[in-house]
Amino acid sequence: MTKFTIHTTETAGESAPILASANKAFGFVPNLLAIMAESPELLEGYMMLAGTFDKTNLSETERQIILMTNNRINGCTYCMAAHTTISQMKGVPADVIDSLRNATPIADPKLEALRTFAEKVNISRGWPEESDVQALFDAGYNRRTVLEVVLGTALKVLSNYTNHISGTPVDKAFSSNAWSQPESAVAAVG
């Protein structure tokens, strides 16, 4: 595996201001951002897209459902640990987090419909069946939601793929939520 530098504000060159902002916001520079700093364009794009995703009409729980579903399907151990921690900090219900980590249905039918649709979008590579879209609508969502799922999926491609290629080590701040893909999930996706 190619070794990537975990940059600091001192080594990040053009990316230093973004890392400095991250350090101020989080109290540390997450390893994902430190590795993305190798490409100022990737880091800037990721941060802008993450900020845009936060502006959607979706609740924090709904956004985390989309993000964590993609993390799980893509097998991203770094992002599952990070987003578990973020979800806990943002008040996402524990049963929802557990379902997302363990590839089990969410008890709330509306949230489960969103999780299922996010899964279908990822697995079908953007070609869900019309019945999948209709199931999302039947649960109370709309066309805007469909496109916001695409936005969240695109965001996770940037982070998940970066982590896969670089082997990003999980930060100490996220290590208590370390994750490995359940065998049932590997079989379902693989």
Protein backbone atom coordinates (compact mmCIF):
# COMPACT_ATOMS: atom_id res chain seq x y z
CA MET A 1 0.00 0.00 0.00
CA THR A 2 1.27 3.46 -0.89
CA LYS A 3 2.13 5.48 2.19
CA PHE A 4 0.38 8.83 2.52
CA THR A 5 1.50 11.67 4.77
CA ILE A 6 -0.68 12.63 7.71
CA HIS A 7 -0.12 16.35 7.35
CA THR A 8 -0.03 18.98 10.05
CA THR A 9 -0.66 22.67 9.60
CA GLU A 10 3.12 23.01 9.31
CA THR A 11 3.46 20.49 6.45
CA ALA A 12 0.16 21.03 4.63
CA GLY A 13 1.20 23.90 2.35
CA GLU A 14 -1.88 25.28 0.58
CA SER A 15 -4.14 23.13 2.78
CA ALA A 16 -2.81 24.60 6.04
CA PRO A 17 -5.65 27.14 6.51
CA ILE A 18 -8.29 24.41 6.20
CA LEU A 19 -6.45 22.18 8.67
CA ALA A 20 -6.13 25.14 11.06
CA SER A 21 -9.90 25.68 10.84
CA ALA A 22 -10.51 21.98 11.48
CA ASN A 23 -8.21 22.08 14.49
CA LYS A 24 -10.10 25.06 15.86
CA ALA A 25 -13.49 23.42 15.27
CA PHE A 26 -12.66 19.92 16.56
CA GLY A 27 -9.75 20.50 18.91
CA PHE A 28 -7.57 18.30 16.67
CA VAL A 29 -7.04 17.60 12.98
CA PRO A 30 -8.78 14.35 12.02
CA ASN A 31 -6.48 11.99 10.14
CA LEU A 32 -8.85 11.93 7.15
CA LEU A 33 -8.46 15.68 6.65
CA ALA A 34 -4.72 15.48 7.33
CA ILE A 35 -4.34 12.94 4.52
CA MET A 36 -6.68 14.83 2.18
CA ALA A 37 -4.42 17.87 2.70
CA GLU A 38 -2.04 16.35 0.13
CA SER A 39 -4.56 17.66 -2.44
CA PRO A 40 -5.86 21.09 -1.46
CA GLU A 41 -8.58 20.68 -4.07
CA LEU A 42 -9.84 17.40 -2.60
CA LEU A 43 -9.78 18.79 0.93
CA GLU A 44 -11.57 21.99 -0.07
CA GLY A 45 -14.13 20.08 -2.13
CA TYR A 46 -14.81 17.64 0.69
CA MET A 47 -15.23 20.39 3.27
CA MET A 48 -17.51 22.42 0.98
CA LEU A 49 -19.64 19.39 0.12
CA ALA A 50 -19.91 18.42 3.80
CA GLY A 51 -21.07 21.94 4.64
CA THR A 52 -23.60 21.83 1.81
CA PHE A 53 -24.94 18.46 2.96
CA ASP A 54 -25.47 19.92 6.43
CA LYS A 55 -27.78 22.55 4.85
CA THR A 56 -30.27 20.00 3.48
CA ASN A 57 -33.80 19.69 4.85
CA LEU A 58 -32.78 16.41 6.48
CA SER A 59 -32.43 16.11 10.24
CA GLU A 60 -29.09 15.20 11.82
CA THR A 61 -30.37 11.64 12.28
CA GLU A 62 -31.45 11.40 8.64
CA ARG A 63 -28.10 12.74 7.40
CA GLN A 64 -26.19 10.28 9.56
CA ILE A 65 -28.38 7.44 8.26
CA ILE A 66 -27.32 8.28 4.70
CA LEU A 67 -23.66 8.73 5.61
CA MET A 68 -23.33 5.67 7.85
CA THR A 69 -25.22 3.46 5.40
CA ASN A 70 -22.70 4.39 2.71
CA ASN A 71 -19.80 3.93 5.13
CA ARG A 72 -21.01 0.44 5.99
CA ILE A 73 -21.65 -0.65 2.43
CA ASN A 74 -18.28 0.74 1.35
CA GLY A 75 -16.60 -1.00 4.29
CA CYS A 76 -15.01 2.19 5.63
CA THR A 77 -13.83 1.42 9.16
CA TYR A 78 -12.48 4.94 9.67
CA CYS A 79 -15.74 6.69 8.75
CA MET A 80 -17.90 4.24 10.71
CA ALA A 81 -15.90 4.98 13.87
CA ALA A 82 -15.92 8.74 13.18
CA HIS A 83 -19.62 8.95 12.33
CA THR A 84 -20.60 6.78 15.29
CA THR A 85 -18.85 9.31 17.52
CA ILE A 86 -20.38 12.26 15.67
CA SER A 87 -23.84 10.66 15.84
CA GLN A 88 -23.51 10.13 19.58
CA MET A 89 -22.42 13.75 20.06
CA LYS A 90 -25.31 15.05 17.92
CA GLY A 91 -28.00 13.05 19.73
CA VAL A 92 -28.81 10.40 17.12
CA PRO A 93 -30.77 7.69 18.99
CA ALA A 94 -28.59 4.78 20.14
CA ASP A 95 -30.87 2.19 18.52
CA VAL A 96 -30.47 3.92 15.14
CA ILE A 97 -26.69 3.98 15.51
CA ASP A 98 -26.67 0.29 16.46
CA SER A 99 -28.81 -0.59 13.43
CA LEU A 100 -26.50 1.33 11.12
CA ARG A 101 -23.39 -0.31 12.55
CA ASN A 102 -24.86 -3.81 12.52
CA ALA A 103 -26.76 -3.77 9.20
CA THR A 104 -30.10 -4.36 10.88
CA PRO A 105 -33.42 -2.61 10.21
CA ILE A 106 -34.19 0.64 12.05
CA ALA A 107 -37.34 0.36 14.20
CA ASP A 108 -38.83 3.64 12.94
CA PRO A 109 -40.44 2.80 9.55
CA LYS A 110 -39.76 6.22 7.99
CA LEU A 111 -36.09 6.16 8.96
CA GLU A 112 -35.83 2.56 7.80
CA ALA A 113 -37.22 3.58 4.40
CA LEU A 114 -34.50 6.22 4.15
CA ARG A 115 -31.80 3.71 5.16
CA THR A 116 -33.09 1.20 2.63
CA PHE A 117 -33.18 3.79 -0.15
CA ALA A 118 -29.65 5.01 0.63
CA GLU A 119 -28.52 1.39 0.47
CA LYS A 120 -30.28 0.84 -2.88
CA VAL A 121 -28.68 3.97 -4.38
CA ASN A 122 -25.20 2.82 -3.35
CA ILE A 123 -25.54 -0.83 -4.30
CA SER A 124 -27.20 -0.04 -7.65
CA ARG A 125 -24.56 2.65 -8.34
CA GLY A 126 -27.31 5.21 -8.79
CA TRP A 127 -29.78 2.99 -10.61
CA PRO A 128 -32.51 2.29 -8.01
CA GLU A 129 -35.72 0.72 -9.23
CA GLU A 130 -38.80 2.93 -9.55
CA SER A 131 -40.33 0.84 -6.75
CA ASP A 132 -37.40 1.87 -4.50
CA VAL A 133 -38.12 5.54 -5.16
CA GLN A 134 -41.85 4.98 -4.60
CA ALA A 135 -41.17 3.24 -1.27
CA LEU A 136 -39.25 6.34 -0.15
CA PHE A 137 -42.16 8.56 -1.23
CA ASP A 138 -44.65 6.27 0.53
CA ALA A 139 -42.67 6.75 3.76
CA GLY A 140 -43.17 10.53 3.55
CA TYR A 141 -40.11 11.71 1.66
CA ASN A 142 -40.00 13.52 -1.70
CA ARG A 143 -37.94 14.12 -4.85
CA ARG A 144 -35.69 16.53 -2.95
CA THR A 145 -34.84 13.72 -0.53
CA VAL A 146 -33.89 11.46 -3.44
CA LEU A 147 -31.34 14.02 -4.61
CA GLU A 148 -30.09 14.69 -1.08
CA VAL A 149 -29.35 10.96 -0.78
CA VAL A 150 -27.27 11.30 -3.95
CA LEU A 151 -25.43 14.25 -2.36
CA GLY A 152 -24.65 12.28 0.81
CA THR A 153 -23.53 9.31 -1.26
CA ALA A 154 -21.16 11.51 -3.26
CA LEU A 155 -19.71 12.93 -0.05
CA LYS A 156 -18.97 9.43 1.21
CA VAL A 157 -17.25 8.44 -2.04
CA LEU A 158 -14.69 11.19 -1.35
CA SER A 159 -13.96 10.14 2.22
CA ASN A 160 -14.42 6.38 1.97
CA TYR A 161 -12.25 6.03 -1.11
CA THR A 162 -9.56 8.28 0.36
CA ASN A 163 -9.50 6.10 3.49
CA HIS A 164 -9.35 2.87 1.48
CA ILE A 165 -6.47 4.04 -0.69
CA SER A 166 -4.47 5.64 2.11
CA GLY A 167 -5.24 3.26 4.99
CA THR A 168 -6.18 6.19 7.23
CA PRO A 169 -5.61 5.26 10.89
CA VAL A 170 -8.58 5.86 13.19
CA ASP A 171 -8.04 8.88 15.42
CA LYS A 172 -7.86 8.37 19.18
CA ALA A 173 -11.03 10.50 19.50
CA PHE A 174 -12.95 7.88 17.48
CA SER A 175 -11.18 4.69 18.63
CA SER A 176 -13.77 3.77 21.28
CA ASN A 177 -16.20 3.30 18.38
CA ALA A 178 -13.91 1.14 16.24
CA TRP A 179 -15.92 -0.95 13.77
CA SER A 180 -15.45 -3.95 11.55
CA GLN A 181 -17.95 -5.05 8.98
CA PRO A 182 -20.31 -7.80 10.24
CA GLU A 183 -20.09 -11.04 8.28
CA SER A 184 -23.80 -10.72 7.38
CA ALA A 185 -23.13 -7.33 5.80
CA VAL A 186 -20.16 -8.64 3.80
CA ALA A 187 -22.32 -11.42 2.40
CA ALA A 188 -25.18 -9.01 1.57
CA VAL A 189 -22.96 -6.53 -0.27
CA GLY A 190 -20.30 -8.82 -1.72
